């Protein structure tokens, strides 16, 4: 099989991860269990997930921005160690690398995240230097930790270039109605789904919501992850269903979503130019298994598994 290229356009952050016995109340000081730092950002996490879960027939490129601080310098070494092409990552003079403060509740494994964009948001005049899609990419993966205008422009460029566009709309924000026509695969969790669908409560069946995004223009598939309830999906060809979650001991959910997206992107990239033979249920099972392995570990990038572990 010929080599395929996945380009991940998105954020590169430094994660500050604090594990606590519980989430402190307003005004309360609580002694934490542990603290660690690591490379992160939804874009970089998804690129690492692609690289770790891909076989030799898939290449991964990262496109984004870091500051010229110590964290930015560390990033190039980190991406190189993962086998990721970092030629699309720019170091901005006088800027700081993005930061995420992550608090993990030990009892449930659930997390709360505060994201500071810094270099990730440093784009100049509209349209100038905004074209980021590598020509050789067959699959382009994006999230919303870079400016929305940049995401929308590059989704459109990628679609015009015949590339398969995967959007993970996180952190969630409303998208223009016309933008769904530039998305091939939409992957989101329940909270993100409700916001994008402008739904006011959770009583809407996830399967119905998935189908609604196809009506709005998503070209191939809509996937809604539901945590411990697994996921639902619907495709433009009329296929739909539910994949159950794996039963594992949840330690930290921070990396689960990014691992899922990366795993799915790898399987989809292997069938660029041959969509008729793409097994979506097999890809979803693979992505679900990878995400389940990640929640058994603490951290973001550190928790993403390798293909040999699945």
C-alpha atoms as a PDB file:
ATOM      1  CA  UNK A   1       0.000   0.000   0.000  1.00  0.00           C
ATOM      2  CA  UNK A   2       1.373   3.481  -0.858  1.00  0.00           C
ATOM      3  CA  UNK A   3       2.211   5.896   1.906  1.00  0.00           C
ATOM      4  CA  UNK A   4      -0.555   8.278   3.006  1.00  0.00           C
ATOM      5  CA  UNK A   5      -0.038  11.642   4.728  1.00  0.00           C
ATOM      6  CA  UNK A   6      -2.138  13.045   7.573  1.00  0.00           C
ATOM      7  CA  UNK A   7      -1.726  16.768   8.244  1.00  0.00           C
ATOM      8  CA  UNK A   8      -2.863  17.946  11.668  1.00  0.00           C
ATOM      9  CA  UNK A   9      -3.431  21.705  11.745  1.00  0.00           C
ATOM     10  CA  UNK A  10      -3.904  22.928  15.280  1.00  0.00           C
ATOM     11  CA  UNK A  11      -2.601  23.864  18.685  1.00  0.00           C
ATOM     12  CA  UNK A  12       0.642  23.060  20.453  1.00  0.00           C
ATOM     13  CA  UNK A  13       0.537  23.668  24.217  1.00  0.00           C
ATOM     14  CA  UNK A  14       2.392  22.882  27.373  1.00  0.00           C
ATOM     15  CA  UNK A  15       0.190  21.006  29.844  1.00  0.00           C
ATOM     16  CA  UNK A  16       0.318  21.667  33.579  1.00  0.00           C
ATOM     17  CA  UNK A  17      -1.467  18.650  35.070  1.00  0.00           C
ATOM     18  CA  UNK A  18      -2.675  18.570  38.695  1.00  0.00           C
ATOM     19  CA  UNK A  19      -4.329  15.475  40.105  1.00  0.00           C
ATOM     20  CA  UNK A  20      -6.590  16.133  43.100  1.00  0.00           C
ATOM     21  CA  UNK A  21      -8.690  13.962  45.448  1.00  0.00           C
ATOM     22  CA  UNK A  22     -11.659  16.084  44.336  1.00  0.00           C
ATOM     23  CA  UNK A  23     -12.372  19.432  42.691  1.00  0.00           C
ATOM     24  CA  UNK A  24     -11.969  22.231  45.290  1.00  0.00           C
ATOM     25  CA  UNK A  25     -14.964  24.382  46.192  1.00  0.00           C
ATOM     26  CA  UNK A  26     -14.901  28.158  45.494  1.00  0.00           C
ATOM     27  CA  UNK A  27     -12.458  29.816  47.880  1.00  0.00           C
ATOM     28  CA  UNK A  28     -11.086  26.487  49.108  1.00  0.00           C
ATOM     29  CA  UNK A  29      -7.409  25.489  49.169  1.00  0.00           C
ATOM     30  CA  UNK A  30      -6.872  21.770  48.665  1.00  0.00           C
ATOM     31  CA  UNK A  31      -3.698  19.695  48.812  1.00  0.00           C
ATOM     32  CA  UNK A  32      -3.131  18.044  45.439  1.00  0.00           C
ATOM     33  CA  UNK A  33      -2.027  14.469  44.909  1.00  0.00           C
ATOM     34  CA  UNK A  34       0.487  15.154  42.140  1.00  0.00           C
ATOM     35  CA  UNK A  35       1.675  17.672  39.568  1.00  0.00           C
ATOM     36  CA  UNK A  36       3.369  17.160  36.218  1.00  0.00           C
ATOM     37  CA  UNK A  37       4.117  18.995  32.986  1.00  0.00           C
ATOM     38  CA  UNK A  38       4.121  17.701  29.447  1.00  0.00           C
ATOM     39  CA  UNK A  39       3.662  18.521  25.795  1.00  0.00           C
ATOM     40  CA  UNK A  40       0.042  18.848  24.760  1.00  0.00           C
ATOM     41  CA  UNK A  41      -2.568  20.840  22.902  1.00  0.00           C
ATOM     42  CA  UNK A  42      -5.392  19.179  21.001  1.00  0.00           C
ATOM     43  CA  UNK A  43      -3.572  19.515  17.700  1.00  0.00           C
ATOM     44  CA  UNK A  44      -0.287  18.070  18.916  1.00  0.00           C
ATOM     45  CA  UNK A  45      -2.040  15.339  20.905  1.00  0.00           C
ATOM     46  CA  UNK A  46      -3.945  14.230  17.825  1.00  0.00           C
ATOM     47  CA  UNK A  47      -0.772  14.273  15.726  1.00  0.00           C
ATOM     48  CA  UNK A  48       1.001  12.116  18.311  1.00  0.00           C
ATOM     49  CA  UNK A  49      -1.965   9.746  18.424  1.00  0.00           C
ATOM     50  CA  UNK A  50      -1.770   9.420  14.627  1.00  0.00           C
ATOM     51  CA  UNK A  51       1.973   8.769  14.748  1.00  0.00           C
ATOM     52  CA  UNK A  52       1.810   6.203  17.558  1.00  0.00           C
ATOM     53  CA  UNK A  53      -1.161   4.322  16.120  1.00  0.00           C
ATOM     54  CA  UNK A  54      -0.119   4.304  12.466  1.00  0.00           C
ATOM     55  CA  UNK A  55       1.663   1.562  10.616  1.00  0.00           C
ATOM     56  CA  UNK A  56       4.480   2.402   8.211  1.00  0.00           C
ATOM     57  CA  UNK A  57       2.067   3.283   5.404  1.00  0.00           C
ATOM     58  CA  UNK A  58       0.971   6.548   7.109  1.00  0.00           C
ATOM     59  CA  UNK A  59       3.063   9.708   7.559  1.00  0.00           C
ATOM     60  CA  UNK A  60       2.103  12.498   9.971  1.00  0.00           C
ATOM     61  CA  UNK A  61       2.749  16.248   9.630  1.00  0.00           C
ATOM     62  CA  UNK A  62       2.074  18.850  12.332  1.00  0.00           C
ATOM     63  CA  UNK A  63       1.182  22.436  11.357  1.00  0.00           C
ATOM     64  CA  UNK A  64       0.953  25.157  14.015  1.00  0.00           C
ATOM     65  CA  UNK A  65       2.793  27.749  16.078  1.00  0.00           C
ATOM     66  CA  UNK A  66       4.865  27.890  19.275  1.00  0.00           C
ATOM     67  CA  UNK A  67       6.665  30.695  21.095  1.00  0.00           C
ATOM     68  CA  UNK A  68      10.426  31.191  21.266  1.00  0.00           C
ATOM     69  CA  UNK A  69      10.440  30.297  24.965  1.00  0.00           C
ATOM     70  CA  UNK A  70      11.923  27.123  26.460  1.00  0.00           C
ATOM     71  CA  UNK A  71       8.657  25.271  25.868  1.00  0.00           C
ATOM     72  CA  UNK A  72       8.689  26.038  22.146  1.00  0.00           C
ATOM     73  CA  UNK A  73      12.222  24.732  21.808  1.00  0.00           C
ATOM     74  CA  UNK A  74      11.263  21.534  23.614  1.00  0.00           C
ATOM     75  CA  UNK A  75       8.419  20.968  21.200  1.00  0.00           C
ATOM     76  CA  UNK A  76      10.589  20.403  18.148  1.00  0.00           C
ATOM     77  CA  UNK A  77      12.569  17.733  20.002  1.00  0.00           C
ATOM     78  CA  UNK A  78       9.342  16.116  21.205  1.00  0.00           C
ATOM     79  CA  UNK A  79       7.771  15.939  17.749  1.00  0.00           C
ATOM     80  CA  UNK A  80      10.963  14.572  16.232  1.00  0.00           C
ATOM     81  CA  UNK A  81      11.039  11.759  18.808  1.00  0.00           C
ATOM     82  CA  UNK A  82       7.501  10.807  17.799  1.00  0.00           C
ATOM     83  CA  UNK A  83       8.487  10.613  14.135  1.00  0.00           C
ATOM     84  CA  UNK A  84       6.297  13.602  13.210  1.00  0.00           C
ATOM     85  CA  UNK A  85       7.286  16.004  10.432  1.00  0.00           C
ATOM     86  CA  UNK A  86       7.445  19.397  12.192  1.00  0.00           C
ATOM     87  CA  UNK A  87       8.428  21.471   9.157  1.00  0.00           C
ATOM     88  CA  UNK A  88       5.014  23.132   9.314  1.00  0.00           C
ATOM     89  CA  UNK A  89       5.500  24.352  12.906  1.00  0.00           C
ATOM     90  CA  UNK A  90       6.612  27.987  13.207  1.00  0.00           C
ATOM     91  CA  UNK A  91       8.444  29.444  16.210  1.00  0.00           C
ATOM     92  CA  UNK A  92       7.297  33.046  16.766  1.00  0.00           C
ATOM     93  CA  UNK A  93       9.836  35.505  18.091  1.00  0.00           C
ATOM     94  CA  UNK A  94       8.765  37.248  21.297  1.00  0.00           C
ATOM     95  CA  UNK A  95       5.698  35.039  21.791  1.00  0.00           C
ATOM     96  CA  UNK A  96       4.816  32.458  24.427  1.00  0.00           C
ATOM     97  CA  UNK A  97       3.843  28.879  23.728  1.00  0.00           C
ATOM     98  CA  UNK A  98       0.223  27.972  24.474  1.00  0.00           C
ATOM     99  CA  UNK A  99      -0.613  26.618  27.932  1.00  0.00           C
ATOM    100  CA  UNK A 100      -3.300  24.288  29.310  1.00  0.00           C
ATOM    101  CA  UNK A 101      -3.965  23.956  33.030  1.00  0.00           C
ATOM    102  CA  UNK A 102      -5.558  20.552  33.627  1.00  0.00           C
ATOM    103  CA  UNK A 103      -7.179  19.483  36.915  1.00  0.00           C
ATOM    104  CA  UNK A 104      -7.978  15.783  37.208  1.00  0.00           C
ATOM    105  CA  UNK A 105     -10.441  14.454  39.798  1.00  0.00           C
ATOM    106  CA  UNK A 106      -8.881  11.228  41.100  1.00  0.00           C
ATOM    107  CA  UNK A 107     -12.182   9.638  42.079  1.00  0.00           C
ATOM    108  CA  UNK A 108     -13.841   9.889  38.653  1.00  0.00           C
ATOM    109  CA  UNK A 109     -10.901  10.499  36.330  1.00  0.00           C
ATOM    110  CA  UNK A 110     -12.809  13.443  34.853  1.00  0.00           C
ATOM    111  CA  UNK A 111     -10.896  16.621  34.033  1.00  0.00           C
ATOM    112  CA  UNK A 112     -11.345  20.370  33.858  1.00  0.00           C
ATOM    113  CA  UNK A 113      -9.119  22.344  31.491  1.00  0.00           C
ATOM    114  CA  UNK A 114      -8.196  26.021  31.153  1.00  0.00           C
ATOM    115  CA  UNK A 115      -6.566  26.829  27.803  1.00  0.00           C
ATOM    116  CA  UNK A 116      -4.450  29.943  27.114  1.00  0.00           C
ATOM    117  CA  UNK A 117      -3.820  30.239  23.378  1.00  0.00           C
ATOM    118  CA  UNK A 118      -0.697  32.475  23.239  1.00  0.00           C
ATOM    119  CA  UNK A 119       1.206  31.667  19.983  1.00  0.00           C
ATOM    120  CA  UNK A 120      -1.632  29.474  18.725  1.00  0.00           C
ATOM    121  CA  UNK A 121      -3.706  32.609  18.074  1.00  0.00           C
ATOM    122  CA  UNK A 122      -0.963  34.741  16.550  1.00  0.00           C
ATOM    123  CA  UNK A 123      -2.219  35.147  12.998  1.00  0.00           C
ATOM    124  CA  UNK A 124      -1.939  38.492  11.282  1.00  0.00           C
ATOM    125  CA  UNK A 125      -4.175  40.279   8.807  1.00  0.00           C
ATOM    126  CA  UNK A 126      -7.015  38.105   7.533  1.00  0.00           C
ATOM    127  CA  UNK A 127      -5.871  35.783   4.788  1.00  0.00           C
ATOM    128  CA  UNK A 128      -2.164  36.648   5.052  1.00  0.00           C
ATOM    129  CA  UNK A 129      -0.233  33.498   5.895  1.00  0.00           C
ATOM    130  CA  UNK A 130      -3.440  31.621   6.654  1.00  0.00           C
ATOM    131  CA  UNK A 131      -3.085  28.915   3.980  1.00  0.00           C
ATOM    132  CA  UNK A 132      -1.696  25.974   5.940  1.00  0.00           C
ATOM    133  CA  UNK A 133      -2.801  22.807   4.125  1.00  0.00           C
ATOM    134  CA  UNK A 134       0.193  20.738   2.913  1.00  0.00           C
ATOM    135  CA  UNK A 135      -0.202  19.754  -0.720  1.00  0.00           C
ATOM    136  CA  UNK A 136       0.704  16.109  -0.148  1.00  0.00           C
ATOM    137  CA  UNK A 137      -1.830  15.527   2.638  1.00  0.00           C
ATOM    138  CA  UNK A 138      -4.658  13.106   1.944  1.00  0.00           C
ATOM    139  CA  UNK A 139      -6.368  13.660   5.302  1.00  0.00           C
ATOM    140  CA  UNK A 140      -6.458  17.002   7.141  1.00  0.00           C
ATOM    141  CA  UNK A 141      -7.394  17.040  10.835  1.00  0.00           C
ATOM    142  CA  UNK A 142      -8.426  20.251  12.619  1.00  0.00           C
ATOM    143  CA  UNK A 143      -9.810  21.397  15.985  1.00  0.00           C
ATOM    144  CA  UNK A 144     -10.799  24.814  17.398  1.00  0.00           C
ATOM    145  CA  UNK A 145      -7.783  25.814  19.515  1.00  0.00           C
ATOM    146  CA  UNK A 146      -6.617  28.104  16.694  1.00  0.00           C
ATOM    147  CA  UNK A 147      -8.733  31.032  15.400  1.00  0.00           C
ATOM    148  CA  UNK A 148     -12.039  29.944  13.858  1.00  0.00           C
ATOM    149  CA  UNK A 149     -11.411  31.961  10.703  1.00  0.00           C
ATOM    150  CA  UNK A 150      -8.170  30.060  10.118  1.00  0.00           C
ATOM    151  CA  UNK A 151      -9.944  26.725  10.601  1.00  0.00           C
ATOM    152  CA  UNK A 152     -12.777  27.623   8.224  1.00  0.00           C
ATOM    153  CA  UNK A 153     -10.393  28.854   5.526  1.00  0.00           C
ATOM    154  CA  UNK A 154      -8.249  25.719   5.675  1.00  0.00           C
ATOM    155  CA  UNK A 155     -11.225  23.364   5.743  1.00  0.00           C
ATOM    156  CA  UNK A 156     -12.381  24.982   2.513  1.00  0.00           C
ATOM    157  CA  UNK A 157      -8.921  24.848   0.937  1.00  0.00           C
ATOM    158  CA  UNK A 158      -8.565  21.193   1.892  1.00  0.00           C
ATOM    159  CA  UNK A 159     -11.955  20.268   0.465  1.00  0.00           C
ATOM    160  CA  UNK A 160     -11.205  22.152  -2.760  1.00  0.00           C
ATOM    161  CA  UNK A 161      -7.932  20.229  -2.943  1.00  0.00           C
ATOM    162  CA  UNK A 162      -9.723  16.888  -2.740  1.00  0.00           C
ATOM    163  CA  UNK A 163      -8.538  16.072   0.778  1.00  0.00           C
ATOM    164  CA  UNK A 164     -10.575  14.311   3.455  1.00  0.00           C
ATOM    165  CA  UNK A 165     -11.363  16.866   6.190  1.00  0.00           C
ATOM    166  CA  UNK A 166     -11.843  15.696   9.784  1.00  0.00           C
ATOM    167  CA  UNK A 167     -13.039  18.329  12.252  1.00  0.00           C
ATOM    168  CA  UNK A 168     -13.076  17.883  16.010  1.00  0.00           C
ATOM    169  CA  UNK A 169     -14.917  21.066  17.121  1.00  0.00           C
ATOM    170  CA  UNK A 170     -13.253  21.524  20.503  1.00  0.00           C
ATOM    171  CA  UNK A 171     -13.334  23.764  22.446  1.00  0.00           C
ATOM    172  CA  UNK A 172     -16.889  23.940  21.118  1.00  0.00           C
ATOM    173  CA  UNK A 173     -18.235  27.052  19.418  1.00  0.00           C
ATOM    174  CA  UNK A 174     -20.945  27.640  16.866  1.00  0.00           C
ATOM    175  CA  UNK A 175     -19.967  27.174  13.229  1.00  0.00           C
ATOM    176  CA  UNK A 176     -21.441  29.035  10.254  1.00  0.00           C
ATOM    177  CA  UNK A 177     -24.127  26.951   8.580  1.00  0.00           C
ATOM    178  CA  UNK A 178     -22.242  26.901   5.278  1.00  0.00           C
ATOM    179  CA  UNK A 179     -19.081  25.472   6.852  1.00  0.00           C
ATOM    180  CA  UNK A 180     -20.506  21.954   7.274  1.00  0.00           C
ATOM    181  CA  UNK A 181     -20.192  21.431   3.520  1.00  0.00           C
ATOM    182  CA  UNK A 182     -16.411  21.594   3.943  1.00  0.00           C
ATOM    183  CA  UNK A 183     -16.348  18.747   6.499  1.00  0.00           C
ATOM    184  CA  UNK A 184     -16.072  15.084   5.510  1.00  0.00           C
ATOM    185  CA  UNK A 185     -16.022  13.610   9.013  1.00  0.00           C
ATOM    186  CA  UNK A 186     -17.270  15.418  12.130  1.00  0.00           C
ATOM    187  CA  UNK A 187     -16.150  13.936  15.468  1.00  0.00           C
ATOM    188  CA  UNK A 188     -17.437  15.464  18.722  1.00  0.00           C
ATOM    189  CA  UNK A 189     -18.574  14.614  22.223  1.00  0.00           C
ATOM    190  CA  UNK A 190     -22.070  15.083  23.620  1.00  0.00           C
ATOM    191  CA  UNK A 191     -21.456  18.572  25.031  1.00  0.00           C
ATOM    192  CA  UNK A 192     -19.972  19.802  21.764  1.00  0.00           C
ATOM    193  CA  UNK A 193     -22.854  18.243  19.821  1.00  0.00           C
ATOM    194  CA  UNK A 194     -25.507  20.019  21.846  1.00  0.00           C
ATOM    195  CA  UNK A 195     -23.782  23.377  21.432  1.00  0.00           C
ATOM    196  CA  UNK A 196     -23.254  23.033  17.678  1.00  0.00           C
ATOM    197  CA  UNK A 197     -26.816  21.776  17.209  1.00  0.00           C
ATOM    198  CA  UNK A 198     -28.136  24.658  19.335  1.00  0.00           C
ATOM    199  CA  UNK A 199     -29.925  22.099  21.512  1.00  0.00           C
ATOM    200  CA  UNK A 200     -30.942  23.310  24.968  1.00  0.00           C
ATOM    201  CA  UNK A 201     -31.046  19.970  26.790  1.00  0.00           C
ATOM    202  CA  UNK A 202     -29.813  16.383  26.542  1.00  0.00           C
ATOM    203  CA  UNK A 203     -33.175  14.794  25.760  1.00  0.00           C
ATOM    204  CA  UNK A 204     -32.427  14.892  22.041  1.00  0.00           C
ATOM    205  CA  UNK A 205     -31.408  11.382  20.880  1.00  0.00           C
ATOM    206  CA  UNK A 206     -27.772  11.438  19.800  1.00  0.00           C
ATOM    207  CA  UNK A 207     -28.589   9.396  16.694  1.00  0.00           C
ATOM    208  CA  UNK A 208     -31.054  12.035  15.529  1.00  0.00           C
ATOM    209  CA  UNK A 209     -28.540  14.803  16.152  1.00  0.00           C
ATOM    210  CA  UNK A 210     -25.908  12.919  14.147  1.00  0.00           C
ATOM    211  CA  UNK A 211     -28.293  12.656  11.206  1.00  0.00           C
ATOM    212  CA  UNK A 212     -29.088  16.380  11.401  1.00  0.00           C
ATOM    213  CA  UNK A 213     -25.453  17.336  10.773  1.00  0.00           C
ATOM    214  CA  UNK A 214     -25.482  15.230   7.605  1.00  0.00           C
ATOM    215  CA  UNK A 215     -28.519  17.196   6.430  1.00  0.00           C
ATOM    216  CA  UNK A 216     -26.580  20.400   7.091  1.00  0.00           C
ATOM    217  CA  UNK A 217     -23.848  19.284   4.700  1.00  0.00           C
ATOM    218  CA  UNK A 218     -21.293  16.958   6.352  1.00  0.00           C
ATOM    219  CA  UNK A 219     -20.120  14.804   3.454  1.00  0.00           C
ATOM    220  CA  UNK A 220     -19.315  11.376   4.891  1.00  0.00           C
ATOM    221  CA  UNK A 221     -19.807  10.683   8.599  1.00  0.00           C
ATOM    222  CA  UNK A 222     -20.848  12.186  11.925  1.00  0.00           C
ATOM    223  CA  UNK A 223     -19.512  10.538  15.084  1.00  0.00           C
ATOM    224  CA  UNK A 224     -20.745  11.494  18.567  1.00  0.00           C
ATOM    225  CA  UNK A 225     -18.773  10.078  21.488  1.00  0.00           C
ATOM    226  CA  UNK A 226     -20.713   9.533  24.721  1.00  0.00           C
ATOM    227  CA  UNK A 227     -18.028   8.639  27.272  1.00  0.00           C
ATOM    228  CA  UNK A 228     -18.968   5.510  29.177  1.00  0.00           C
ATOM    229  CA  UNK A 229     -21.990   5.060  26.901  1.00  0.00           C
ATOM    230  CA  UNK A 230     -19.827   4.495  23.838  1.00  0.00           C
ATOM    231  CA  UNK A 231     -20.691   6.359  20.639  1.00  0.00           C
ATOM    232  CA  UNK A 232     -23.256   6.741  17.893  1.00  0.00           C
ATOM    233  CA  UNK A 233     -22.543   7.407  14.250  1.00  0.00           C
ATOM    234  CA  UNK A 234     -24.348   8.108  11.008  1.00  0.00           C
ATOM    235  CA  UNK A 235     -23.056   8.243   7.447  1.00  0.00           C
ATOM    236  CA  UNK A 236     -24.189   9.973   4.284  1.00  0.00           C
ATOM    237  CA  UNK A 237     -24.607   6.539   2.667  1.00  0.00           C
ATOM    238  CA  UNK A 238     -27.303   5.647   5.215  1.00  0.00           C
ATOM    239  CA  UNK A 239     -25.224   3.516   7.596  1.00  0.00           C
ATOM    240  CA  UNK A 240     -25.677   4.203  11.319  1.00  0.00           C
ATOM    241  CA  UNK A 241     -25.227   2.489  14.654  1.00  0.00           C
ATOM    242  CA  UNK A 242     -23.805   2.459  18.136  1.00  0.00           C
ATOM    243  CA  UNK A 243     -20.424   1.200  19.381  1.00  0.00           C
ATOM    244  CA  UNK A 244     -20.251   0.367  23.106  1.00  0.00           C
ATOM    245  CA  UNK A 245     -17.464   1.674  25.339  1.00  0.00           C
ATOM    246  CA  UNK A 246     -14.776  -0.713  26.565  1.00  0.00           C
ATOM    247  CA  UNK A 247     -15.005  -1.577  30.256  1.00  0.00           C
ATOM    248  CA  UNK A 248     -11.794  -0.289  31.838  1.00  0.00           C
ATOM    249  CA  UNK A 249     -10.696   1.392  35.070  1.00  0.00           C
ATOM    250  CA  UNK A 250     -10.821   5.124  34.330  1.00  0.00           C
ATOM    251  CA  UNK A 251      -7.868   7.045  35.778  1.00  0.00           C
ATOM    252  CA  UNK A 252      -7.773  10.181  33.610  1.00  0.00           C
ATOM    253  CA  UNK A 253      -9.945  11.052  30.590  1.00  0.00           C
ATOM    254  CA  UNK A 254      -7.753  13.937  29.350  1.00  0.00           C
ATOM    255  CA  UNK A 255      -6.322  12.120  26.319  1.00  0.00           C
ATOM    256  CA  UNK A 256      -9.366  10.068  25.347  1.00  0.00           C
ATOM    257  CA  UNK A 257     -10.905  12.370  22.754  1.00  0.00           C
ATOM    258  CA  UNK A 258      -7.631  13.211  21.022  1.00  0.00           C
ATOM    259  CA  UNK A 259      -6.591   9.561  20.962  1.00  0.00           C
ATOM    260  CA  UNK A 260      -9.924   8.636  19.390  1.00  0.00           C
ATOM    261  CA  UNK A 261      -9.598  11.289  16.674  1.00  0.00           C
ATOM    262  CA  UNK A 262      -6.017  10.286  15.858  1.00  0.00           C
ATOM    263  CA  UNK A 263      -6.871   6.589  15.686  1.00  0.00           C
ATOM    264  CA  UNK A 264      -9.835   7.204  13.398  1.00  0.00           C
ATOM    265  CA  UNK A 265      -7.774   9.489  11.156  1.00  0.00           C
ATOM    266  CA  UNK A 266      -5.160   6.760  10.703  1.00  0.00           C
ATOM    267  CA  UNK A 267      -7.731   4.213   9.560  1.00  0.00           C
ATOM    268  CA  UNK A 268      -9.405   6.745   7.253  1.00  0.00           C
ATOM    269  CA  UNK A 269      -6.052   7.777   5.739  1.00  0.00           C
ATOM    270  CA  UNK A 270      -5.368   4.192   4.748  1.00  0.00           C
ATOM    271  CA  UNK A 271      -8.368   4.405   2.399  1.00  0.00           C
ATOM    272  CA  UNK A 272      -7.876   7.816   0.828  1.00  0.00           C
ATOM    273  CA  UNK A 273      -8.802   7.376  -2.817  1.00  0.00           C
ATOM    274  CA  UNK A 274     -10.565   4.121  -2.001  1.00  0.00           C
ATOM    275  CA  UNK A 275     -13.522   5.080   0.224  1.00  0.00           C
ATOM    276  CA  UNK A 276     -15.661   2.180  -0.968  1.00  0.00           C
ATOM    277  CA  UNK A 277     -13.459  -0.249   0.960  1.00  0.00           C
ATOM    278  CA  UNK A 278     -13.340   1.837   4.137  1.00  0.00           C
ATOM    279  CA  UNK A 279     -14.818  -0.119   7.080  1.00  0.00           C
ATOM    280  CA  UNK A 280     -16.218   2.587   9.349  1.00  0.00           C
ATOM    281  CA  UNK A 281     -17.290   0.176  12.091  1.00  0.00           C
ATOM    282  CA  UNK A 282     -13.827  -1.360  12.138  1.00  0.00           C
ATOM    283  CA  UNK A 283     -12.283   2.114  12.369  1.00  0.00           C
ATOM    284  CA  UNK A 284     -14.628   3.062  15.213  1.00  0.00           C
ATOM    285  CA  UNK A 285     -13.822  -0.134  17.115  1.00  0.00           C
ATOM    286  CA  UNK A 286     -10.119   0.582  16.677  1.00  0.00           C
ATOM    287  CA  UNK A 287     -10.496   4.197  17.853  1.00  0.00           C
ATOM    288  CA  UNK A 288     -12.652   3.134  20.817  1.00  0.00           C
ATOM    289  CA  UNK A 289     -10.033   0.601  21.895  1.00  0.00           C
ATOM    290  CA  UNK A 290      -7.241   3.171  21.655  1.00  0.00           C
ATOM    291  CA  UNK A 291      -9.214   5.735  23.677  1.00  0.00           C
ATOM    292  CA  UNK A 292     -10.010   3.111  26.318  1.00  0.00           C
ATOM    293  CA  UNK A 293      -6.315   2.338  26.724  1.00  0.00           C
ATOM    294  CA  UNK A 294      -5.534   6.060  27.177  1.00  0.00           C
ATOM    295  CA  UNK A 295      -7.969   6.586  30.088  1.00  0.00           C
ATOM    296  CA  UNK A 296      -6.168   3.932  32.140  1.00  0.00           C
ATOM    297  CA  UNK A 297      -3.205   6.327  32.466  1.00  0.00           C
ATOM    298  CA  UNK A 298      -2.578   9.811  33.881  1.00  0.00           C
ATOM    299  CA  UNK A 299      -1.758  12.651  31.524  1.00  0.00           C
ATOM    300  CA  UNK A 300      -2.492  13.804  28.012  1.00  0.00           C
ATOM    301  CA  UNK A 301       0.228  13.015  25.488  1.00  0.00           C
ATOM    302  CA  UNK A 302       1.883  10.626  27.925  1.00  0.00           C
ATOM    303  CA  UNK A 303      -1.295   8.531  28.058  1.00  0.00           C
ATOM    304  CA  UNK A 304      -1.661   8.012  24.292  1.00  0.00           C
ATOM    305  CA  UNK A 305      -0.967   4.353  23.485  1.00  0.00           C
ATOM    306  CA  UNK A 306       1.148   2.813  20.739  1.00  0.00           C
ATOM    307  CA  UNK A 307      -0.213   0.489  18.064  1.00  0.00           C
ATOM    308  CA  UNK A 308       1.669  -2.430  19.615  1.00  0.00           C
ATOM    309  CA  UNK A 309      -0.302  -1.998  22.870  1.00  0.00           C
ATOM    310  CA  UNK A 310      -3.722  -2.520  21.287  1.00  0.00           C
END
